[in-house]
PDB file of N, CA and C in Angstrom:
ATOM      1  N   UNK A   1      16.007 -26.225  -7.313  1.00  0.00           N
ATOM      2  CA  UNK A   1      14.546 -25.509  -6.688  1.00  0.00           C
ATOM      3  C   UNK A   1      13.395 -25.642  -6.959  1.00  0.00           C
ATOM      4  N   UNK A   2      12.500 -25.608  -5.428  1.00  0.00           N
ATOM      5  CA  UNK A   2      11.266 -25.886  -5.446  1.00  0.00           C
ATOM      6  C   UNK A   2      10.478 -24.939  -5.866  1.00  0.00           C
ATOM      7  N   UNK A   3       9.489 -25.316  -5.855  1.00  0.00           N
ATOM      8  CA  UNK A   3       8.297 -24.312  -6.298  1.00  0.00           C
ATOM      9  C   UNK A   3       7.456 -24.124  -4.815  1.00  0.00           C
ATOM     10  N   UNK A   4       8.158 -22.697  -4.491  1.00  0.00           N
ATOM     11  CA  UNK A   4       7.385 -22.460  -3.568  1.00  0.00           C
ATOM     12  C   UNK A   4       5.819 -22.139  -3.267  1.00  0.00           C
ATOM     13  N   UNK A   5       5.020 -22.309  -2.178  1.00  0.00           N
ATOM     14  CA  UNK A   5       3.686 -21.867  -2.113  1.00  0.00           C
ATOM     15  C   UNK A   5       3.491 -20.482  -2.686  1.00  0.00           C
ATOM     16  N   UNK A   6       2.588 -20.381  -3.505  1.00  0.00           N
ATOM     17  CA  UNK A   6       1.643 -19.040  -4.195  1.00  0.00           C
ATOM     18  C   UNK A   6       1.135 -17.856  -3.156  1.00  0.00           C
ATOM     19  N   UNK A   7       1.595 -18.906  -1.595  1.00  0.00           N
ATOM     20  CA  UNK A   7       1.492 -17.474  -0.905  1.00  0.00           C
ATOM     21  C   UNK A   7       2.455 -16.644   0.045  1.00  0.00           C
ATOM     22  N   UNK A   8       3.585 -17.119  -0.711  1.00  0.00           N
ATOM     23  CA  UNK A   8       4.810 -17.088  -0.132  1.00  0.00           C
ATOM     24  C   UNK A   8       5.282 -16.126  -0.995  1.00  0.00           C
ATOM     25  N   UNK A   9       5.972 -14.848  -0.528  1.00  0.00           N
ATOM     26  CA  UNK A   9       6.538 -13.656  -1.463  1.00  0.00           C
ATOM     27  C   UNK A   9       8.284 -14.198  -2.027  1.00  0.00           C
ATOM     28  N   UNK A  10       8.538 -13.547  -3.104  1.00  0.00           N
ATOM     29  CA  UNK A  10       9.856 -14.301  -3.557  1.00  0.00           C
ATOM     30  C   UNK A  10      10.925 -13.582  -2.901  1.00  0.00           C
ATOM     31  N   UNK A  11      11.955 -14.045  -2.278  1.00  0.00           N
ATOM     32  CA  UNK A  11      13.055 -13.558  -1.656  1.00  0.00           C
ATOM     33  C   UNK A  11      13.799 -12.906  -2.871  1.00  0.00           C
ATOM     34  N   UNK A  12      14.007 -11.384  -2.744  1.00  0.00           N
ATOM     35  CA  UNK A  12      14.981 -11.011  -3.435  1.00  0.00           C
ATOM     36  C   UNK A  12      16.398 -10.417  -2.194  1.00  0.00           C
ATOM     37  N   UNK A  13      17.573 -10.130  -2.915  1.00  0.00           N
ATOM     38  CA  UNK A  13      18.667 -10.018  -2.555  1.00  0.00           C
ATOM     39  C   UNK A  13      18.919  -8.353  -3.248  1.00  0.00           C
ATOM     40  N   UNK A  14      18.412  -7.901  -2.172  1.00  0.00           N
ATOM     41  CA  UNK A  14      19.311  -6.115  -2.606  1.00  0.00           C
ATOM     42  C   UNK A  14      20.438  -5.949  -2.376  1.00  0.00           C
ATOM     43  N   UNK A  15      21.492  -5.608  -2.204  1.00  0.00           N
ATOM     44  CA  UNK A  15      22.910  -4.702  -2.151  1.00  0.00           C
ATOM     45  C   UNK A  15      22.790  -3.990  -1.707  1.00  0.00           C
ATOM     46  N   UNK A  16      22.580  -3.674  -0.344  1.00  0.00           N
ATOM     47  CA  UNK A  16      22.894  -2.019   0.135  1.00  0.00           C
ATOM     48  C   UNK A  16      24.660  -1.663   0.923  1.00  0.00           C
ATOM     49  N   UNK A  17      24.851  -0.645   0.405  1.00  0.00           N
ATOM     50  CA  UNK A  17      26.052  -0.260   0.881  1.00  0.00           C
ATOM     51  C   UNK A  17      26.757  -1.274   0.843  1.00  0.00           C
ATOM     52  N   UNK A  18      26.927  -2.498  -0.367  1.00  0.00           N
ATOM     53  CA  UNK A  18      27.672  -3.411  -0.124  1.00  0.00           C
ATOM     54  C   UNK A  18      27.425  -4.808   0.300  1.00  0.00           C
ATOM     55  N   UNK A  19      26.382  -4.349   0.908  1.00  0.00           N
ATOM     56  CA  UNK A  19      25.990  -5.439   2.279  1.00  0.00           C
ATOM     57  C   UNK A  19      24.682  -6.321   1.382  1.00  0.00           C
ATOM     58  N   UNK A  20      24.760  -7.569   1.336  1.00  0.00           N
ATOM     59  CA  UNK A  20      23.369  -8.258   0.715  1.00  0.00           C
ATOM     60  C   UNK A  20      22.718  -8.263   1.278  1.00  0.00           C
ATOM     61  N   UNK A  21      21.103  -8.001   1.854  1.00  0.00           N
ATOM     62  CA  UNK A  21      19.992  -7.824   2.132  1.00  0.00           C
ATOM     63  C   UNK A  21      18.980  -9.090   1.661  1.00  0.00           C
ATOM     64  N   UNK A  22      18.133  -9.319   2.489  1.00  0.00           N
ATOM     65  CA  UNK A  22      16.854 -10.504   1.875  1.00  0.00           C
ATOM     66  C   UNK A  22      15.852  -8.967   2.028  1.00  0.00           C
ATOM     67  N   UNK A  23      14.690  -9.252   0.596  1.00  0.00           N
ATOM     68  CA  UNK A  23      13.882  -8.281   0.966  1.00  0.00           C
ATOM     69  C   UNK A  23      12.644  -9.014  -0.006  1.00  0.00           C
ATOM     70  N   UNK A  24      11.827  -9.010   0.463  1.00  0.00           N
ATOM     71  CA  UNK A  24      10.447  -9.535   0.100  1.00  0.00           C
ATOM     72  C   UNK A  24       9.167  -9.462  -0.247  1.00  0.00           C
ATOM     73  N   UNK A  25       9.448  -8.278  -0.601  1.00  0.00           N
ATOM     74  CA  UNK A  25       8.231  -6.697  -1.704  1.00  0.00           C
ATOM     75  C   UNK A  25       9.055  -6.673  -3.007  1.00  0.00           C
ATOM     76  N   UNK A  26       8.388  -6.278  -4.039  1.00  0.00           N
ATOM     77  CA  UNK A  26       8.406  -5.529  -5.143  1.00  0.00           C
ATOM     78  C   UNK A  26       9.013  -4.031  -5.348  1.00  0.00           C
ATOM     79  N   UNK A  27       8.711  -3.406  -3.770  1.00  0.00           N
ATOM     80  CA  UNK A  27       9.070  -2.088  -3.987  1.00  0.00           C
ATOM     81  C   UNK A  27       9.688  -1.825  -2.550  1.00  0.00           C
ATOM     82  N   UNK A  28      10.368  -0.669  -2.658  1.00  0.00           N
ATOM     83  CA  UNK A  28      11.168   0.007  -0.923  1.00  0.00           C
ATOM     84  C   UNK A  28      11.052   1.484  -1.479  1.00  0.00           C
ATOM     85  N   UNK A  29      10.700   1.660   0.128  1.00  0.00           N
ATOM     86  CA  UNK A  29      11.156   2.912   0.467  1.00  0.00           C
ATOM     87  C   UNK A  29      12.295   3.966   0.908  1.00  0.00           C
ATOM     88  N   UNK A  30      12.619   5.016   0.725  1.00  0.00           N
ATOM     89  CA  UNK A  30      13.881   6.010   1.209  1.00  0.00           C
ATOM     90  C   UNK A  30      13.485   5.025   2.482  1.00  0.00           C
ATOM     91  N   UNK A  31      12.791   5.429   3.320  1.00  0.00           N
ATOM     92  CA  UNK A  31      12.823   5.352   4.776  1.00  0.00           C
ATOM     93  C   UNK A  31      13.286   3.268   5.170  1.00  0.00           C
ATOM     94  N   UNK A  32      12.902   2.942   4.648  1.00  0.00           N
ATOM     95  CA  UNK A  32      12.828   1.764   4.729  1.00  0.00           C
ATOM     96  C   UNK A  32      14.581   1.075   4.073  1.00  0.00           C
ATOM     97  N   UNK A  33      15.251   1.461   3.129  1.00  0.00           N
ATOM     98  CA  UNK A  33      16.577   1.461   2.830  1.00  0.00           C
ATOM     99  C   UNK A  33      17.256   1.714   3.782  1.00  0.00           C
ATOM    100  N   UNK A  34      17.180   3.236   4.202  1.00  0.00           N
ATOM    101  CA  UNK A  34      17.837   4.054   5.164  1.00  0.00           C
ATOM    102  C   UNK A  34      17.620   3.120   5.973  1.00  0.00           C
ATOM    103  N   UNK A  35      17.437   2.171   7.025  1.00  0.00           N
ATOM    104  CA  UNK A  35      17.032   1.725   8.034  1.00  0.00           C
ATOM    105  C   UNK A  35      17.625   0.382   7.665  1.00  0.00           C
ATOM    106  N   UNK A  36      18.175  -0.367   6.665  1.00  0.00           N
ATOM    107  CA  UNK A  36      18.887  -1.445   6.211  1.00  0.00           C
ATOM    108  C   UNK A  36      20.649  -0.861   5.969  1.00  0.00           C
ATOM    109  N   UNK A  37      20.527   0.135   5.860  1.00  0.00           N
ATOM    110  CA  UNK A  37      21.851   0.617   5.845  1.00  0.00           C
ATOM    111  C   UNK A  37      21.869   1.022   7.192  1.00  0.00           C
ATOM    112  N   UNK A  38      21.062   1.779   7.873  1.00  0.00           N
ATOM    113  CA  UNK A  38      21.957   2.604   9.004  1.00  0.00           C
ATOM    114  C   UNK A  38      20.786   2.707  10.534  1.00  0.00           C
ATOM    115  N   UNK A  39      20.592   0.684  10.834  1.00  0.00           N
ATOM    116  CA  UNK A  39      19.508   0.905  12.140  1.00  0.00           C
ATOM    117  C   UNK A  39      19.069   1.766  12.910  1.00  0.00           C
ATOM    118  N   UNK A  40      18.109   1.822  13.115  1.00  0.00           N
ATOM    119  CA  UNK A  40      18.335   2.629  14.418  1.00  0.00           C
ATOM    120  C   UNK A  40      18.366   4.180  14.215  1.00  0.00           C
ATOM    121  N   UNK A  41      18.793   4.511  13.157  1.00  0.00           N
ATOM    122  CA  UNK A  41      19.467   5.919  13.066  1.00  0.00           C
ATOM    123  C   UNK A  41      18.165   6.921  12.363  1.00  0.00           C
ATOM    124  N   UNK A  42      18.432   8.090  14.112  1.00  0.00           N
ATOM    125  CA  UNK A  42      17.237   8.693  13.232  1.00  0.00           C
ATOM    126  C   UNK A  42      17.322  10.040  13.196  1.00  0.00           C
ATOM    127  N   UNK A  43      17.005  11.268  12.476  1.00  0.00           N
ATOM    128  CA  UNK A  43      17.137  12.592  12.541  1.00  0.00           C
ATOM    129  C   UNK A  43      18.420  12.905  11.528  1.00  0.00           C
ATOM    130  N   UNK A  44      18.841  12.278  10.755  1.00  0.00           N
ATOM    131  CA  UNK A  44      19.832  12.364   9.342  1.00  0.00           C
ATOM    132  C   UNK A  44      19.384  12.410   8.290  1.00  0.00           C
ATOM    133  N   UNK A  45      19.795  13.281   7.268  1.00  0.00           N
ATOM    134  CA  UNK A  45      19.180  13.577   5.674  1.00  0.00           C
ATOM    135  C   UNK A  45      20.162  12.086   5.033  1.00  0.00           C
ATOM    136  N   UNK A  46      19.734  11.519   3.952  1.00  0.00           N
ATOM    137  CA  UNK A  46      20.601  11.017   3.274  1.00  0.00           C
ATOM    138  C   UNK A  46      20.608  10.784   2.012  1.00  0.00           C
ATOM    139  N   UNK A  47      21.289  10.422   1.376  1.00  0.00           N
ATOM    140  CA  UNK A  47      21.599  10.641  -0.243  1.00  0.00           C
ATOM    141  C   UNK A  47      21.544   9.309  -0.417  1.00  0.00           C
ATOM    142  N   UNK A  48      20.164   8.714  -1.388  1.00  0.00           N
ATOM    143  CA  UNK A  48      20.406   7.468  -1.763  1.00  0.00           C
ATOM    144  C   UNK A  48      20.178   7.573  -3.049  1.00  0.00           C
ATOM    145  N   UNK A  49      20.991   6.790  -3.876  1.00  0.00           N
ATOM    146  CA  UNK A  49      21.328   6.158  -5.266  1.00  0.00           C
ATOM    147  C   UNK A  49      21.406   4.821  -5.582  1.00  0.00           C
ATOM    148  N   UNK A  50      20.313   4.325  -6.835  1.00  0.00           N
ATOM    149  CA  UNK A  50      19.852   3.163  -6.882  1.00  0.00           C
ATOM    150  C   UNK A  50      20.389   2.665  -8.159  1.00  0.00           C
ATOM    151  N   UNK A  51      20.366   1.521  -8.554  1.00  0.00           N
ATOM    152  CA  UNK A  51      20.807   0.526 -10.058  1.00  0.00           C
ATOM    153  C   UNK A  51      20.842  -0.372  -9.584  1.00  0.00           C
ATOM    154  N   UNK A  52      20.382  -1.346 -11.232  1.00  0.00           N
ATOM    155  CA  UNK A  52      19.939  -2.533 -11.363  1.00  0.00           C
ATOM    156  C   UNK A  52      20.062  -3.077 -12.559  1.00  0.00           C
ATOM    157  N   UNK A  53      20.906  -4.278 -13.099  1.00  0.00           N
ATOM    158  CA  UNK A  53      21.031  -4.756 -14.334  1.00  0.00           C
ATOM    159  C   UNK A  53      20.592  -4.537 -15.591  1.00  0.00           C
ATOM    160  N   UNK A  54      19.143  -4.118 -15.531  1.00  0.00           N
ATOM    161  CA  UNK A  54      18.117  -4.239 -16.026  1.00  0.00           C
ATOM    162  C   UNK A  54      18.241  -2.452 -16.308  1.00  0.00           C
ATOM    163  N   UNK A  55      18.815  -1.720 -16.337  1.00  0.00           N
ATOM    164  CA  UNK A  55      19.450  -0.561 -16.112  1.00  0.00           C
ATOM    165  C   UNK A  55      18.848   0.490 -16.522  1.00  0.00           C
ATOM    166  N   UNK A  56      17.867   0.290 -14.636  1.00  0.00           N
ATOM    167  CA  UNK A  56      17.327   1.612 -13.936  1.00  0.00           C
ATOM    168  C   UNK A  56      18.225   2.162 -12.995  1.00  0.00           C
ATOM    169  N   UNK A  57      18.415   3.458 -13.097  1.00  0.00           N
ATOM    170  CA  UNK A  57      18.947   4.478 -12.176  1.00  0.00           C
ATOM    171  C   UNK A  57      18.534   5.093 -11.499  1.00  0.00           C
ATOM    172  N   UNK A  58      18.552   5.733 -10.319  1.00  0.00           N
ATOM    173  CA  UNK A  58      18.206   6.494  -9.550  1.00  0.00           C
ATOM    174  C   UNK A  58      18.338   6.991  -8.659  1.00  0.00           C
ATOM    175  N   UNK A  59      17.149   8.272  -7.904  1.00  0.00           N
ATOM    176  CA  UNK A  59      17.839   8.451  -6.477  1.00  0.00           C
ATOM    177  C   UNK A  59      16.434   8.229  -5.744  1.00  0.00           C
ATOM    178  N   UNK A  60      16.348   8.422  -4.553  1.00  0.00           N
ATOM    179  CA  UNK A  60      15.364   8.384  -3.519  1.00  0.00           C
ATOM    180  C   UNK A  60      15.447   9.629  -3.096  1.00  0.00           C
ATOM    181  N   UNK A  61      13.934  10.068  -2.528  1.00  0.00           N
ATOM    182  CA  UNK A  61      14.138  11.119  -1.671  1.00  0.00           C
ATOM    183  C   UNK A  61      13.093  10.613  -0.657  1.00  0.00           C
ATOM    184  N   UNK A  62      12.978  11.250   0.720  1.00  0.00           N
ATOM    185  CA  UNK A  62      12.783  11.254   1.707  1.00  0.00           C
ATOM    186  C   UNK A  62      10.889  11.068   0.992  1.00  0.00           C
ATOM    187  N   UNK A  63      10.058   9.910   1.734  1.00  0.00           N
ATOM    188  CA  UNK A  63       8.614   9.639   1.050  1.00  0.00           C
ATOM    189  C   UNK A  63       8.169   8.870  -0.660  1.00  0.00           C
ATOM    190  N   UNK A  64       9.434   9.112  -1.204  1.00  0.00           N
ATOM    191  CA  UNK A  64       9.156   7.995  -2.715  1.00  0.00           C
ATOM    192  C   UNK A  64       9.596   6.679  -2.351  1.00  0.00           C
ATOM    193  N   UNK A  65       9.389   6.164  -3.344  1.00  0.00           N
ATOM    194  CA  UNK A  65       9.534   4.601  -3.266  1.00  0.00           C
ATOM    195  C   UNK A  65       9.664   4.147  -4.983  1.00  0.00           C
ATOM    196  N   UNK A  66      10.798   2.795  -5.000  1.00  0.00           N
ATOM    197  CA  UNK A  66      10.734   2.274  -5.843  1.00  0.00           C
ATOM    198  C   UNK A  66      10.739   0.593  -6.548  1.00  0.00           C
ATOM    199  N   UNK A  67      10.648   0.585  -7.505  1.00  0.00           N
ATOM    200  CA  UNK A  67      10.310  -1.226  -7.549  1.00  0.00           C
ATOM    201  C   UNK A  67      11.740  -1.313  -7.490  1.00  0.00           C
ATOM    202  N   UNK A  68      12.329  -2.714  -6.913  1.00  0.00           N
ATOM    203  CA  UNK A  68      13.123  -3.410  -6.779  1.00  0.00           C
ATOM    204  C   UNK A  68      13.090  -4.580  -7.982  1.00  0.00           C
ATOM    205  N   UNK A  69      14.770  -4.947  -7.943  1.00  0.00           N
ATOM    206  CA  UNK A  69      14.461  -6.353  -8.582  1.00  0.00           C
ATOM    207  C   UNK A  69      15.880  -7.667  -7.674  1.00  0.00           C
ATOM    208  N   UNK A  70      15.739  -8.388  -7.716  1.00  0.00           N
ATOM    209  CA  UNK A  70      16.788  -9.116  -7.488  1.00  0.00           C
ATOM    210  C   UNK A  70      18.218  -8.067  -8.070  1.00  0.00           C
ATOM    211  N   UNK A  71      19.136  -8.186  -7.095  1.00  0.00           N
ATOM    212  CA  UNK A  71      20.477  -7.584  -7.689  1.00  0.00           C
ATOM    213  C   UNK A  71      19.901  -5.889  -7.456  1.00  0.00           C
ATOM    214  N   UNK A  72      19.079  -5.559  -7.232  1.00  0.00           N
ATOM    215  CA  UNK A  72      19.092  -3.985  -6.698  1.00  0.00           C
ATOM    216  C   UNK A  72      20.646  -3.491  -5.943  1.00  0.00           C
ATOM    217  N   UNK A  73      21.265  -2.405  -6.307  1.00  0.00           N
ATOM    218  CA  UNK A  73      22.495  -2.181  -5.839  1.00  0.00           C
ATOM    219  C   UNK A  73      22.222  -0.754  -5.178  1.00  0.00           C
ATOM    220  N   UNK A  74      21.947  -0.325  -3.909  1.00  0.00           N
ATOM    221  CA  UNK A  74      21.419   0.722  -3.291  1.00  0.00           C
ATOM    222  C   UNK A  74      23.120   1.428  -2.379  1.00  0.00           C
ATOM    223  N   UNK A  75      23.054   2.225  -2.308  1.00  0.00           N
ATOM    224  CA  UNK A  75      24.332   3.577  -1.583  1.00  0.00           C
ATOM    225  C   UNK A  75      23.756   4.521  -1.019  1.00  0.00           C
ATOM    226  N   UNK A  76      24.261   4.520   0.146  1.00  0.00           N
ATOM    227  CA  UNK A  76      23.232   5.387   0.878  1.00  0.00           C
ATOM    228  C   UNK A  76      24.434   6.246   1.767  1.00  0.00           C
ATOM    229  N   UNK A  77      24.238   7.696   2.095  1.00  0.00           N
ATOM    230  CA  UNK A  77      25.250   8.165   2.657  1.00  0.00           C
ATOM    231  C   UNK A  77      24.742   9.486   3.249  1.00  0.00           C
ATOM    232  N   UNK A  78      25.613   9.787   4.635  1.00  0.00           N
ATOM    233  CA  UNK A  78      24.610  10.971   4.963  1.00  0.00           C
ATOM    234  C   UNK A  78      25.153  11.659   4.569  1.00  0.00           C
ATOM    235  N   UNK A  79      23.683  13.439   4.362  1.00  0.00           N
ATOM    236  CA  UNK A  79      24.574  14.378   3.500  1.00  0.00           C
ATOM    237  C   UNK A  79      24.271  15.195   5.032  1.00  0.00           C
ATOM    238  N   UNK A  80      25.361  15.963   4.687  1.00  0.00           N
ATOM    239  CA  UNK A  80      26.012  17.416   5.228  1.00  0.00           C
ATOM    240  C   UNK A  80      24.539  18.544   4.963  1.00  0.00           C
ATOM    241  N   UNK A  81      24.618  18.753   6.502  1.00  0.00           N
ATOM    242  CA  UNK A  81      22.929  19.944   6.171  1.00  0.00           C
ATOM    243  C   UNK A  81      24.056  21.419   6.040  1.00  0.00           C
ATOM    244  N   UNK A  82      24.233  22.474   5.165  1.00  0.00           N
ATOM    245  CA  UNK A  82      24.249  23.456   5.949  1.00  0.00           C
ATOM    246  C   UNK A  82      23.189  24.886   6.303  1.00  0.00           C
TER     247      UNK A  82
END
């Protein structure tokens, strides 16, 4: 494994609805993870939950962000409005 240039960002693999996605930041927003799961879709409300092997589990709401580590798992589903 080669040591990269210090200017290069470490690539993380996030699991989004069962699909591996490459991510290069230590944080991700609700809006960013929704676009990974449903590219180009707008106007829907989504339920976003996440977990990682280090025991950090939670939910994201619009406008929120969370820190991520390699292997963080996200589950995103469309929410019904009543």
